[in-house]
Protein backbone atom coordinates (compact mmCIF):
# COMPACT_ATOMS: atom_id res chain seq x y z
CA UNK A 1 117.94 -4.38 89.48
CA UNK A 2 121.34 -3.73 91.25
CA UNK A 3 124.53 -2.60 89.59
CA UNK A 4 127.84 -3.83 91.12
CA UNK A 5 130.76 -2.69 89.25
CA UNK A 6 134.16 -4.75 89.12
CA UNK A 7 137.25 -2.89 87.65
CA UNK A 8 139.54 -5.92 85.51
CA UNK A 9 142.60 -6.19 83.70
CA UNK A 10 145.75 -3.96 83.03
CA UNK A 11 143.32 -1.64 80.68
CA UNK A 12 141.23 -1.12 84.01
CA UNK A 13 137.74 -2.50 82.00
CA UNK A 14 134.69 -1.82 83.93
CA UNK A 15 132.78 -5.44 84.48
CA UNK A 16 129.12 -4.74 85.05
CA UNK A 17 127.23 -7.42 87.25
CA UNK A 18 123.42 -6.67 86.93
CA UNK A 19 121.44 -8.53 89.25
CA UNK A 20 117.52 -9.26 89.03
CA UNK A 21 116.91 -9.20 93.03
CA UNK A 22 113.65 -10.77 92.55
CA UNK A 23 114.84 -13.47 90.62
CA UNK A 24 118.72 -13.83 91.44
CA UNK A 25 119.56 -14.03 87.43
CA UNK A 26 122.18 -11.88 86.36
CA UNK A 27 123.93 -10.69 83.31
CA UNK A 28 127.52 -9.54 83.40
CA UNK A 29 128.64 -7.20 81.01
CA UNK A 30 132.37 -7.25 79.12
CA UNK A 31 134.25 -9.82 81.49
CA UNK A 32 137.33 -8.19 79.98
CA UNK A 33 139.52 -10.36 82.37
CA UNK A 34 139.35 -12.19 85.61
CA UNK A 35 136.46 -14.89 84.58
CA UNK A 36 137.25 -16.71 87.66
CA UNK A 37 136.74 -13.54 89.95
CA UNK A 38 133.83 -12.76 88.82
CA UNK A 39 132.29 -16.13 88.82
CA UNK A 40 133.28 -16.14 92.52
CA UNK A 41 131.43 -13.02 92.95
CA UNK A 42 128.75 -14.10 91.36
CA UNK A 43 128.69 -17.38 93.68
CA UNK A 44 129.01 -15.25 96.81
CA UNK A 45 125.89 -13.17 95.81
CA UNK A 46 123.24 -16.20 95.38
CA UNK A 47 123.07 -15.32 91.60
CA UNK A 48 122.67 -17.43 88.55
CA UNK A 49 124.29 -15.97 85.40
CA UNK A 50 121.84 -15.93 82.36
CA UNK A 51 123.91 -13.68 79.93
CA UNK A 52 127.24 -12.83 78.94
CA UNK A 53 127.18 -9.34 77.50
CA UNK A 54 129.73 -8.02 75.14
CA UNK A 55 129.54 -4.29 74.08
CA UNK A 56 132.67 -5.14 71.39
CA UNK A 57 135.10 -7.54 70.19
CA UNK A 58 138.17 -6.11 71.56
CA UNK A 59 140.30 -8.33 73.49
CA UNK A 60 140.10 -6.43 76.53
CA UNK A 61 136.00 -6.71 76.82
CA UNK A 62 136.32 -10.58 76.29
CA UNK A 63 139.13 -11.35 77.75
CA UNK A 64 137.55 -13.32 80.65
CA UNK A 65 134.39 -14.90 79.35
CA UNK A 66 135.78 -18.04 78.55
CA UNK A 67 136.97 -18.79 82.26
CA UNK A 68 133.40 -17.17 83.23
CA UNK A 69 131.07 -19.05 81.00
CA UNK A 70 133.28 -22.13 81.79
CA UNK A 71 132.22 -21.89 85.25
CA UNK A 72 129.37 -20.01 85.78
CA UNK A 73 127.32 -21.11 82.47
CA UNK A 74 125.41 -17.95 80.56
CA UNK A 75 124.71 -17.73 77.30
CA UNK A 76 127.19 -15.30 75.28
CA UNK A 77 125.79 -12.41 73.40
CA UNK A 78 127.93 -10.52 70.91
CA UNK A 79 127.10 -8.04 68.15
CA UNK A 80 126.91 -9.73 64.84
CA UNK A 81 129.28 -7.01 63.46
CA UNK A 82 132.02 -8.16 65.69
CA UNK A 83 131.80 -11.82 65.06
CA UNK A 84 135.44 -11.92 63.59
CA UNK A 85 137.29 -10.00 66.20
CA UNK A 86 135.59 -12.57 68.57
CA UNK A 87 136.89 -15.48 66.54
CA UNK A 88 139.81 -14.26 65.53
CA UNK A 89 140.88 -11.79 68.82
CA UNK A 90 143.58 -9.50 67.91
CA UNK A 91 147.26 -11.31 69.58
CA UNK A 92 148.83 -7.59 69.79
CA UNK A 93 145.76 -6.74 72.47
CA UNK A 94 144.99 -10.47 74.07
CA UNK A 95 148.86 -10.17 75.01
CA UNK A 96 148.27 -7.74 77.65
CA UNK A 97 145.52 -9.43 79.42
CA UNK A 98 146.83 -11.67 82.03
CA UNK A 99 145.03 -15.32 81.62
CA UNK A 100 143.67 -14.40 78.33
CA UNK A 101 141.84 -17.38 76.89
CA UNK A 102 139.82 -16.99 73.32
CA UNK A 103 136.24 -16.05 73.82
CA UNK A 104 133.56 -18.94 73.70
CA UNK A 105 131.35 -19.58 70.82
CA UNK A 106 128.37 -16.96 70.31
CA UNK A 107 124.89 -18.31 71.62
CA UNK A 108 123.27 -15.26 70.78
CA UNK A 109 124.31 -12.63 67.78
CA UNK A 110 122.47 -9.42 68.13
CA UNK A 111 121.80 -6.62 65.63
CA UNK A 112 119.87 -3.99 68.07
CA UNK A 113 116.23 -3.99 68.98
CA UNK A 114 116.43 -7.24 71.09
CA UNK A 115 114.86 -7.77 74.31
CA UNK A 116 116.27 -9.79 76.81
CA UNK A 117 114.52 -11.36 80.01
CA UNK A 118 116.35 -11.02 83.13
CA UNK A 119 113.87 -12.17 85.87
CA UNK A 120 111.43 -9.46 86.25
CA UNK A 121 113.86 -6.84 84.27
CA UNK A 122 114.53 -6.38 80.47
CA UNK A 123 117.72 -5.79 78.79
CA UNK A 124 117.54 -4.20 75.37
CA UNK A 125 119.96 -4.06 72.83
CA UNK A 126 120.75 -0.69 71.19
CA UNK A 127 123.12 -1.02 67.94
CA UNK A 128 125.95 1.58 68.10
CA UNK A 129 128.63 0.72 65.59
CA UNK A 130 131.84 3.10 65.12
CA UNK A 131 134.08 2.10 67.64
CA UNK A 132 133.82 -1.40 65.92
CA UNK A 133 131.38 -2.47 63.45
CA UNK A 134 129.64 -4.49 66.20
CA UNK A 135 129.50 -2.23 68.94
CA UNK A 136 126.25 -2.47 70.55
CA UNK A 137 125.24 -0.83 74.14
CA UNK A 138 122.60 -2.73 76.45
CA UNK A 139 120.10 -0.95 78.28
CA UNK A 140 118.32 -1.70 81.40
CA UNK A 141 115.39 0.53 83.50
CA UNK A 142 118.02 3.74 84.53
CA UNK A 143 121.49 2.22 83.17
CA UNK A 144 123.02 2.55 80.16
CA UNK A 145 126.38 0.03 79.16
CA UNK A 146 128.27 1.97 76.59
CA UNK A 147 131.46 -0.14 76.16
CA UNK A 148 133.87 2.08 74.35
CA UNK A 149 131.18 3.90 72.35
CA UNK A 150 130.54 6.53 74.98
CA UNK A 151 132.69 7.82 77.94
CA UNK A 152 132.53 10.64 80.83
CA UNK A 153 133.60 13.26 78.28
CA UNK A 154 134.89 11.58 75.84
CA UNK A 155 133.97 8.70 73.26
CA UNK A 156 135.64 5.53 71.91
CA UNK A 157 138.46 5.67 69.51
CA UNK A 158 137.92 4.75 65.89
CA UNK A 159 141.21 4.67 64.41
CA UNK A 160 141.70 1.00 64.89
CA UNK A 161 140.74 -1.89 62.33
CA UNK A 162 137.08 -1.53 61.64
CA UNK A 163 136.15 1.85 63.21
CA UNK A 164 134.40 4.75 61.63
CA UNK A 165 134.25 8.08 63.85
CA UNK A 166 131.51 9.39 61.64
CA UNK A 167 129.53 6.51 62.34
CA UNK A 168 130.14 6.45 65.87
CA UNK A 169 129.38 10.31 66.56
CA UNK A 170 125.64 8.96 64.59
CA UNK A 171 125.21 6.04 66.62
CA UNK A 172 125.41 8.38 70.03
CA UNK A 173 123.24 11.17 68.27
CA UNK A 174 120.72 8.81 67.30
CA UNK A 175 120.25 5.86 69.24
CA UNK A 176 121.58 7.46 72.83
CA UNK A 177 121.10 11.18 73.13
CA UNK A 178 117.62 10.53 72.56
CA UNK A 179 117.79 8.31 76.14
CA UNK A 180 116.36 10.57 78.86
CA UNK A 181 118.65 13.24 80.89
CA UNK A 182 118.70 11.00 83.98
CA UNK A 183 119.78 7.58 82.27
CA UNK A 184 123.09 6.72 84.22
CA UNK A 185 125.93 5.78 81.70
CA UNK A 186 128.27 3.07 82.30
CA UNK A 187 131.10 3.12 80.48
CA UNK A 188 133.90 0.45 79.61
CA UNK A 189 136.26 2.50 81.27
CA UNK A 190 136.81 5.27 83.83
CA UNK A 191 133.76 6.61 85.74
CA UNK A 192 129.78 6.50 85.33
CA UNK A 193 128.42 9.90 83.94
CA UNK A 194 124.59 10.61 82.69
CA UNK A 195 122.96 11.26 79.34
CA UNK A 196 122.23 14.95 80.31
CA UNK A 197 125.81 15.44 81.53
CA UNK A 198 127.36 13.85 78.71
CA UNK A 199 124.72 16.08 76.22
CA UNK A 200 126.18 19.45 78.13
CA UNK A 201 129.59 18.73 78.70
CA UNK A 202 131.28 15.98 76.60
CA UNK A 203 133.26 18.31 73.64
CA UNK A 204 132.93 15.67 70.98
CA UNK A 205 129.09 16.10 70.99
CA UNK A 206 128.38 19.70 70.82
CA UNK A 207 126.45 20.47 67.67
CA UNK A 208 125.21 16.74 67.04
């Protein structure tokens, strides 16, 4: 599986393209803006979009989903706990995203534990509530896509509606820090890291 990163929108969201090279099937994680640009990148790679994977319902992670699905298709996958944010996006945050369109209807509401087939690869859904009630991470081979749950040397804010800091730390401790140290962390914003680096260096995770 190959991972490509496109930084999109004014909040510099990391949109990730996961490409199963054996089949040409692709998934896109968090198309926060620039859905048509992401679609063009898929076409240039000769890829067929199978999934649009949303880590959580904030507008800077969903703003390009409508255009991407309209042009490239794909099954829209969202944590069930964030259904309300998908169906009624925050107008204040949406206003910051050029070309924002309300996300498409959810095709596959997930709860954690689901396995999505992507050619010869698999994507595993991990429930990580805390940043939002329906936050999820996606695991495929040695790649972990954490949205706004875990960043390099930081964690996602939890002071927005539906956020819960204690729950977020429990999610990280119980569901992410149990993964191997060499697991690559691809966050929703900023540089990548590894589980091992965050276990040692992230000040929010000490003592968990």
